Structure formats: structure tokens, C-alpha cells
Amino acid sequence: MIPPDGYLHIYMLNVGQGDTTLIVSPMGSVIIIDATRPEKVNDLLAKLGNDGSIEHLIVTHPHSDHYSAFNNLANKYTVYKATLAPFWHAFGMGPPTYQSLIARLESRGTDINFLSGYSRWYPDDVMKA
């Protein structure tokens, strides 16, 4: 959570390959979509005055250049929700680092939602001022 200012803030971080989008809702909730370089996310959250929590992590698809920082972030911050791409998980397969992320989030009590190809997510609960 960031101290709320009533405005929506969207940060697109230059992380090289892959993308990292950090959204701060008008209420101060933090949503991160894909993350590759944890130090860039940590630096921005510190500058914004984060209280040690992230409302929502979103992984668009399980390629390491889209989720590799989330293991670090899940260790450092309280993560309330995660929306993850379902590939491989249903079969107990996939990259060990992705399986590790899922296990870490589960062990910390994060509410995890696995998207299907037709799922939609409406962030109404964190976007209202």
C-alpha cells in the first residue's frame, strides 16, 4: 500500500527484456503486472513509501522474463492476491521457478487465481477512490 492521493498512477519500468508495469490505485493499492528485475520494483516501491504490502501480482504468461522477480517480491512483501497464467500448473509441470513461485505464494496465504483463456479480471475492489 502506498499513501493514497486519489489519483491513478501507472509506471512502466525499463527492465530490458520483458516488461514490468506497476499500478498504484487512487486508494494506494499496488498492482504489479509482470516483473523481471526486483531491484527496480523495490526501488520504486521504496520511493513511493510502500508499507510492505502488494495488493495484486499478475503474471501474463509463465516465461521467466515475465515473472522472475516475483519470487523475490513474494519474500519481501505481503502479497494479498495473485492472478497467474495456468499453463503447466494444472499438470504439475513447468519451469521449477514458476512452480516455486506458486508454492511460495500458497505457503504465505496469498489468494491465487489461475486464469483461463477467457477469464477477465476487473480491479473494481482496488481502483475505487
Foldseek 3Di string as FASTA:
>chain_A
DFCADQDKDWDWDDDDPATWIWIQANNGAIEIWFDADQVVVVVVCVVRPPPQAHAEYEFPAPDNNGHVNLVVSLVRGHYAEYEYACPPVVVVDDDPSVVVSVVSCVVSPHHYHHDDPPDDDDPVVRHDD
